[in-house]
């Protein structure tokens, strides 16, 4: 209800209908970041003692920042009950997760990749999420957005003019050229030596 009333930028979350202690979230990559255009699915698993104990946090979609399907060690996760604040909500937790995602600090469950690799994961994230049954069940609106985006990308790719084939250099021609150069240099050296002897 709180999320519906006061949405958080880049974040969507829904509990499982069969288990209110398991929430699935989607974080969209902010503009200007290596995650731009990406849609990242993950889950929060709350203990029965919530809000007095923190949840476990997982990332499911490959992203280049966190290991997938692995508990993440964050100050807002069950790895650090000593820093947990019972006043923190799902919104607070996911805002903290996004903030940490945009940093480069290392923690248990984080990985190091280049910005190029992160952008590749971002471009692949929509198609990856559509293969996930829970994602499709919990986020049908996002699924429609992803399918529309994929359709537009495919249309643009088909409309683009064909690129000329890239020709690879012929190795035989390169070798022949190298041999000619060597003979030319050799002939020049021999001529120079003969001239100096005369």
C-alpha atoms as a PDB file:
ATOM      1  CA  UNK A   1       0.000   0.000   0.000  1.00  0.00           C
ATOM      2  CA  UNK A   2       2.821   2.368   0.874  1.00  0.00           C
ATOM      3  CA  UNK A   3       4.622   1.647  -2.428  1.00  0.00           C
ATOM      4  CA  UNK A   4       1.402   2.148  -4.392  1.00  0.00           C
ATOM      5  CA  UNK A   5       0.679   5.417  -2.581  1.00  0.00           C
ATOM      6  CA  UNK A   6       4.215   6.789  -2.756  1.00  0.00           C
ATOM      7  CA  UNK A   7       6.130   5.082  -5.618  1.00  0.00           C
ATOM      8  CA  UNK A   8       9.923   5.014  -5.479  1.00  0.00           C
ATOM      9  CA  UNK A   9      11.818   6.021  -8.661  1.00  0.00           C
ATOM     10  CA  UNK A  10      13.196   3.048 -10.633  1.00  0.00           C
ATOM     11  CA  UNK A  11      11.669   0.490  -8.234  1.00  0.00           C
ATOM     12  CA  UNK A  12       8.648  -1.843  -8.288  1.00  0.00           C
ATOM     13  CA  UNK A  13       7.902  -4.610  -5.772  1.00  0.00           C
ATOM     14  CA  UNK A  14       5.216  -7.230  -5.134  1.00  0.00           C
ATOM     15  CA  UNK A  15       4.818  -9.961  -2.491  1.00  0.00           C
ATOM     16  CA  UNK A  16       4.055 -13.539  -3.497  1.00  0.00           C
ATOM     17  CA  UNK A  17       0.352 -14.261  -3.079  1.00  0.00           C
ATOM     18  CA  UNK A  18       1.290 -17.577  -1.467  1.00  0.00           C
ATOM     19  CA  UNK A  19       3.874 -16.121   0.950  1.00  0.00           C
ATOM     20  CA  UNK A  20       3.772 -12.515   2.151  1.00  0.00           C
ATOM     21  CA  UNK A  21       7.310 -12.896   3.554  1.00  0.00           C
ATOM     22  CA  UNK A  22       8.792 -13.248   0.044  1.00  0.00           C
ATOM     23  CA  UNK A  23       8.774 -10.078  -2.029  1.00  0.00           C
ATOM     24  CA  UNK A  24       9.992  -9.787  -5.610  1.00  0.00           C
ATOM     25  CA  UNK A  25      11.289  -6.483  -6.866  1.00  0.00           C
ATOM     26  CA  UNK A  26      12.380  -4.911 -10.124  1.00  0.00           C
ATOM     27  CA  UNK A  27      15.020  -2.191 -10.274  1.00  0.00           C
ATOM     28  CA  UNK A  28      15.332  -0.215 -13.510  1.00  0.00           C
ATOM     29  CA  UNK A  29      18.772   1.083 -14.405  1.00  0.00           C
ATOM     30  CA  UNK A  30      18.965   4.877 -13.947  1.00  0.00           C
ATOM     31  CA  UNK A  31      19.772   7.119 -16.905  1.00  0.00           C
ATOM     32  CA  UNK A  32      23.448   7.888 -17.345  1.00  0.00           C
ATOM     33  CA  UNK A  33      24.555   4.757 -15.465  1.00  0.00           C
ATOM     34  CA  UNK A  34      26.024   1.566 -16.977  1.00  0.00           C
ATOM     35  CA  UNK A  35      22.689  -0.077 -16.048  1.00  0.00           C
ATOM     36  CA  UNK A  36      20.586   2.303 -18.153  1.00  0.00           C
ATOM     37  CA  UNK A  37      17.869   0.414 -20.019  1.00  0.00           C
ATOM     38  CA  UNK A  38      18.274  -2.612 -17.766  1.00  0.00           C
ATOM     39  CA  UNK A  39      15.460  -4.288 -15.815  1.00  0.00           C
ATOM     40  CA  UNK A  40      16.775  -6.216 -12.808  1.00  0.00           C
ATOM     41  CA  UNK A  41      14.638  -8.739 -10.955  1.00  0.00           C
ATOM     42  CA  UNK A  42      15.421  -9.882  -7.434  1.00  0.00           C
ATOM     43  CA  UNK A  43      13.784 -10.935  -4.185  1.00  0.00           C
ATOM     44  CA  UNK A  44      13.619 -10.075  -0.490  1.00  0.00           C
ATOM     45  CA  UNK A  45      13.037 -12.935   1.946  1.00  0.00           C
ATOM     46  CA  UNK A  46      11.776 -11.597   5.271  1.00  0.00           C
ATOM     47  CA  UNK A  47      12.063 -13.499   8.562  1.00  0.00           C
ATOM     48  CA  UNK A  48       8.963 -14.110  10.661  1.00  0.00           C
ATOM     49  CA  UNK A  49      10.367 -11.592  13.147  1.00  0.00           C
ATOM     50  CA  UNK A  50      10.246  -8.720  10.620  1.00  0.00           C
ATOM     51  CA  UNK A  51      10.318  -5.740  11.189  1.00  0.00           C
ATOM     52  CA  UNK A  52      12.625  -6.546  14.092  1.00  0.00           C
ATOM     53  CA  UNK A  53      15.020  -8.540  11.925  1.00  0.00           C
ATOM     54  CA  UNK A  54      16.252  -7.694   8.390  1.00  0.00           C
ATOM     55  CA  UNK A  55      15.515  -9.619   5.180  1.00  0.00           C
ATOM     56  CA  UNK A  56      17.840 -11.616   2.954  1.00  0.00           C
ATOM     57  CA  UNK A  57      18.418  -9.844  -0.355  1.00  0.00           C
ATOM     58  CA  UNK A  58      18.977 -11.628  -3.676  1.00  0.00           C
ATOM     59  CA  UNK A  59      19.487 -10.482  -7.259  1.00  0.00           C
ATOM     60  CA  UNK A  60      18.153 -12.844  -9.923  1.00  0.00           C
ATOM     61  CA  UNK A  61      18.856 -11.061 -13.237  1.00  0.00           C
ATOM     62  CA  UNK A  62      22.526 -11.015 -14.354  1.00  0.00           C
ATOM     63  CA  UNK A  63      23.748  -7.434 -13.992  1.00  0.00           C
ATOM     64  CA  UNK A  64      27.531  -7.266 -13.682  1.00  0.00           C
ATOM     65  CA  UNK A  65      27.404  -5.894 -10.116  1.00  0.00           C
ATOM     66  CA  UNK A  66      26.030  -8.743  -7.975  1.00  0.00           C
ATOM     67  CA  UNK A  67      26.178 -12.512  -8.136  1.00  0.00           C
ATOM     68  CA  UNK A  68      22.818 -13.991  -9.036  1.00  0.00           C
ATOM     69  CA  UNK A  69      20.732 -16.084  -6.612  1.00  0.00           C
ATOM     70  CA  UNK A  70      23.211 -15.357  -3.818  1.00  0.00           C
ATOM     71  CA  UNK A  71      22.540 -13.636  -0.475  1.00  0.00           C
ATOM     72  CA  UNK A  72      24.022 -10.155  -0.634  1.00  0.00           C
ATOM     73  CA  UNK A  73      25.970  -8.752   2.272  1.00  0.00           C
ATOM     74  CA  UNK A  74      24.649  -5.220   2.746  1.00  0.00           C
ATOM     75  CA  UNK A  75      24.095  -3.075   5.821  1.00  0.00           C
ATOM     76  CA  UNK A  76      20.336  -3.425   5.164  1.00  0.00           C
ATOM     77  CA  UNK A  77      20.397  -7.225   4.843  1.00  0.00           C
ATOM     78  CA  UNK A  78      20.357 -10.166   7.240  1.00  0.00           C
ATOM     79  CA  UNK A  79      24.174 -10.171   7.209  1.00  0.00           C
ATOM     80  CA  UNK A  80      24.088  -7.119   9.499  1.00  0.00           C
ATOM     81  CA  UNK A  81      21.277  -7.397  12.055  1.00  0.00           C
ATOM     82  CA  UNK A  82      23.265  -5.004  14.277  1.00  0.00           C
ATOM     83  CA  UNK A  83      22.780  -2.116  11.811  1.00  0.00           C
ATOM     84  CA  UNK A  84      19.137  -2.923  11.031  1.00  0.00           C
ATOM     85  CA  UNK A  85      16.474  -0.324  11.787  1.00  0.00           C
ATOM     86  CA  UNK A  86      12.910  -1.679  12.355  1.00  0.00           C
ATOM     87  CA  UNK A  87      11.555   1.529  10.814  1.00  0.00           C
ATOM     88  CA  UNK A  88      12.959   0.628   7.405  1.00  0.00           C
ATOM     89  CA  UNK A  89      10.371  -0.412   4.824  1.00  0.00           C
ATOM     90  CA  UNK A  90      10.551  -2.288   1.516  1.00  0.00           C
ATOM     91  CA  UNK A  91      11.025   1.112  -0.175  1.00  0.00           C
ATOM     92  CA  UNK A  92      13.957   1.965   2.095  1.00  0.00           C
ATOM     93  CA  UNK A  93      15.611  -1.413   1.547  1.00  0.00           C
ATOM     94  CA  UNK A  94      15.318  -1.254  -2.236  1.00  0.00           C
ATOM     95  CA  UNK A  95      16.456   2.373  -2.388  1.00  0.00           C
ATOM     96  CA  UNK A  96      19.534   1.313  -0.392  1.00  0.00           C
ATOM     97  CA  UNK A  97      20.104  -1.624  -2.739  1.00  0.00           C
ATOM     98  CA  UNK A  98      19.958   0.632  -5.817  1.00  0.00           C
ATOM     99  CA  UNK A  99      22.313   3.118  -4.192  1.00  0.00           C
ATOM    100  CA  UNK A 100      24.829   0.357  -3.455  1.00  0.00           C
ATOM    101  CA  UNK A 101      24.416  -1.028  -6.981  1.00  0.00           C
ATOM    102  CA  UNK A 102      25.540   2.323  -8.411  1.00  0.00           C
ATOM    103  CA  UNK A 103      28.672   2.344  -6.225  1.00  0.00           C
ATOM    104  CA  UNK A 104      31.831   0.317  -6.717  1.00  0.00           C
ATOM    105  CA  UNK A 105      32.354  -0.861  -3.121  1.00  0.00           C
ATOM    106  CA  UNK A 106      33.160  -4.538  -2.742  1.00  0.00           C
ATOM    107  CA  UNK A 107      31.152  -6.821  -0.482  1.00  0.00           C
ATOM    108  CA  UNK A 108      30.207 -10.480  -0.201  1.00  0.00           C
ATOM    109  CA  UNK A 109      28.064 -11.218  -3.239  1.00  0.00           C
ATOM    110  CA  UNK A 110      29.403  -8.364  -5.382  1.00  0.00           C
ATOM    111  CA  UNK A 111      31.428  -8.901  -8.557  1.00  0.00           C
ATOM    112  CA  UNK A 112      33.661  -6.664 -10.665  1.00  0.00           C
ATOM    113  CA  UNK A 113      32.959  -6.167 -14.372  1.00  0.00           C
ATOM    114  CA  UNK A 114      33.591  -3.398 -16.882  1.00  0.00           C
ATOM    115  CA  UNK A 115      30.975  -0.794 -17.750  1.00  0.00           C
ATOM    116  CA  UNK A 116      30.810  -2.348 -21.218  1.00  0.00           C
ATOM    117  CA  UNK A 117      29.876  -5.715 -19.708  1.00  0.00           C
ATOM    118  CA  UNK A 118      27.252  -4.059 -17.486  1.00  0.00           C
ATOM    119  CA  UNK A 119      25.697  -2.427 -20.573  1.00  0.00           C
ATOM    120  CA  UNK A 120      25.599  -5.805 -22.328  1.00  0.00           C
ATOM    121  CA  UNK A 121      23.773  -7.303 -19.325  1.00  0.00           C
ATOM    122  CA  UNK A 122      21.402  -4.304 -19.339  1.00  0.00           C
ATOM    123  CA  UNK A 123      20.557  -4.883 -23.011  1.00  0.00           C
ATOM    124  CA  UNK A 124      19.934  -8.607 -22.360  1.00  0.00           C
ATOM    125  CA  UNK A 125      17.997  -8.187 -19.097  1.00  0.00           C
ATOM    126  CA  UNK A 126      14.517  -7.853 -20.606  1.00  0.00           C
ATOM    127  CA  UNK A 127      14.759 -11.066 -22.614  1.00  0.00           C
ATOM    128  CA  UNK A 128      16.264 -12.845 -19.592  1.00  0.00           C
ATOM    129  CA  UNK A 129      13.401 -11.752 -17.324  1.00  0.00           C
ATOM    130  CA  UNK A 130      10.732 -12.901 -19.775  1.00  0.00           C
ATOM    131  CA  UNK A 131      12.039 -16.458 -19.340  1.00  0.00           C
ATOM    132  CA  UNK A 132      11.355 -16.272 -15.576  1.00  0.00           C
ATOM    133  CA  UNK A 133       7.912 -17.600 -14.609  1.00  0.00           C
ATOM    134  CA  UNK A 134       7.643 -15.601 -11.359  1.00  0.00           C
ATOM    135  CA  UNK A 135       8.634 -12.402 -13.152  1.00  0.00           C
ATOM    136  CA  UNK A 136       5.908 -12.949 -15.742  1.00  0.00           C
ATOM    137  CA  UNK A 137       3.311 -13.694 -13.053  1.00  0.00           C
ATOM    138  CA  UNK A 138       4.159 -10.755 -10.767  1.00  0.00           C
ATOM    139  CA  UNK A 139       4.994  -8.055 -13.314  1.00  0.00           C
ATOM    140  CA  UNK A 140       2.714  -8.454 -16.369  1.00  0.00           C
ATOM    141  CA  UNK A 141       2.809  -4.705 -17.095  1.00  0.00           C
ATOM    142  CA  UNK A 142       6.608  -4.727 -17.227  1.00  0.00           C
ATOM    143  CA  UNK A 143       6.490  -7.803 -19.463  1.00  0.00           C
ATOM    144  CA  UNK A 144       4.319  -5.842 -21.912  1.00  0.00           C
ATOM    145  CA  UNK A 145       6.804  -2.940 -21.830  1.00  0.00           C
ATOM    146  CA  UNK A 146       9.737  -5.275 -22.498  1.00  0.00           C
ATOM    147  CA  UNK A 147       7.951  -7.011 -25.379  1.00  0.00           C
ATOM    148  CA  UNK A 148       7.090  -3.625 -26.913  1.00  0.00           C
ATOM    149  CA  UNK A 149      10.701  -2.481 -26.573  1.00  0.00           C
ATOM    150  CA  UNK A 150      11.946  -5.716 -28.162  1.00  0.00           C
ATOM    151  CA  UNK A 151       9.511  -5.261 -31.047  1.00  0.00           C
ATOM    152  CA  UNK A 152      10.746  -1.705 -31.636  1.00  0.00           C
ATOM    153  CA  UNK A 153      14.387  -2.837 -31.534  1.00  0.00           C
ATOM    154  CA  UNK A 154      13.697  -5.651 -34.016  1.00  0.00           C
ATOM    155  CA  UNK A 155      11.846  -3.231 -36.331  1.00  0.00           C
ATOM    156  CA  UNK A 156      14.750  -0.768 -36.247  1.00  0.00           C
ATOM    157  CA  UNK A 157      17.239  -3.569 -36.928  1.00  0.00           C
ATOM    158  CA  UNK A 158      15.243  -4.711 -39.964  1.00  0.00           C
ATOM    159  CA  UNK A 159      14.902  -1.137 -41.275  1.00  0.00           C
ATOM    160  CA  UNK A 160      18.638  -0.420 -41.001  1.00  0.00           C
ATOM    161  CA  UNK A 161      20.520  -0.481 -44.337  1.00  0.00           C
ATOM    162  CA  UNK A 162      22.558  -3.646 -44.851  1.00  0.00           C
ATOM    163  CA  UNK A 163      26.187  -3.276 -43.909  1.00  0.00           C
ATOM    164  CA  UNK A 164      28.798  -4.229 -46.504  1.00  0.00           C
ATOM    165  CA  UNK A 165      30.604  -7.444 -45.657  1.00  0.00           C
ATOM    166  CA  UNK A 166      33.897  -7.000 -43.902  1.00  0.00           C
ATOM    167  CA  UNK A 167      36.636  -8.479 -46.051  1.00  0.00           C
ATOM    168  CA  UNK A 168      39.466 -10.176 -44.288  1.00  0.00           C
ATOM    169  CA  UNK A 169      42.964  -9.602 -45.668  1.00  0.00           C
ATOM    170  CA  UNK A 170      44.295 -12.478 -47.757  1.00  0.00           C
ATOM    171  CA  UNK A 171      47.180 -14.081 -45.848  1.00  0.00           C
ATOM    172  CA  UNK A 172      48.892 -15.209 -49.090  1.00  0.00           C
ATOM    173  CA  UNK A 173      48.996 -11.637 -50.404  1.00  0.00           C
ATOM    174  CA  UNK A 174      50.440 -10.401 -47.115  1.00  0.00           C
ATOM    175  CA  UNK A 175      53.177 -13.064 -47.171  1.00  0.00           C
ATOM    176  CA  UNK A 176      54.026 -12.304 -50.817  1.00  0.00           C
ATOM    177  CA  UNK A 177      54.253  -8.599 -50.038  1.00  0.00           C
ATOM    178  CA  UNK A 178      56.494  -9.266 -47.028  1.00  0.00           C
ATOM    179  CA  UNK A 179      58.811 -11.451 -49.170  1.00  0.00           C
ATOM    180  CA  UNK A 180      59.052  -8.708 -51.831  1.00  0.00           C
ATOM    181  CA  UNK A 181      59.924  -6.127 -49.186  1.00  0.00           C
ATOM    182  CA  UNK A 182      62.625  -8.386 -47.712  1.00  0.00           C
ATOM    183  CA  UNK A 183      64.128  -9.047 -51.172  1.00  0.00           C
ATOM    184  CA  UNK A 184      64.006  -5.337 -51.938  1.00  0.00           C
ATOM    185  CA  UNK A 185      65.862  -4.493 -48.732  1.00  0.00           C
ATOM    186  CA  UNK A 186      68.360  -7.306 -49.368  1.00  0.00           C
ATOM    187  CA  UNK A 187      69.010  -6.092 -52.945  1.00  0.00           C
ATOM    188  CA  UNK A 188      69.520  -2.538 -51.676  1.00  0.00           C
ATOM    189  CA  UNK A 189      72.020  -3.704 -49.038  1.00  0.00           C
ATOM    190  CA  UNK A 190      73.955  -5.804 -51.588  1.00  0.00           C
ATOM    191  CA  UNK A 191      74.063  -2.889 -54.091  1.00  0.00           C
ATOM    192  CA  UNK A 192      75.297  -0.556 -51.365  1.00  0.00           C
ATOM    193  CA  UNK A 193      78.032  -2.983 -50.349  1.00  0.00           C
ATOM    194  CA  UNK A 194      79.176  -3.459 -53.982  1.00  0.00           C
ATOM    195  CA  UNK A 195      79.243   0.302 -54.534  1.00  0.00           C
ATOM    196  CA  UNK A 196      81.349   0.805 -51.431  1.00  0.00           C
ATOM    197  CA  UNK A 197      83.826  -1.878 -52.559  1.00  0.00           C
ATOM    198  CA  UNK A 198      84.210  -0.197 -55.925  1.00  0.00           C
END
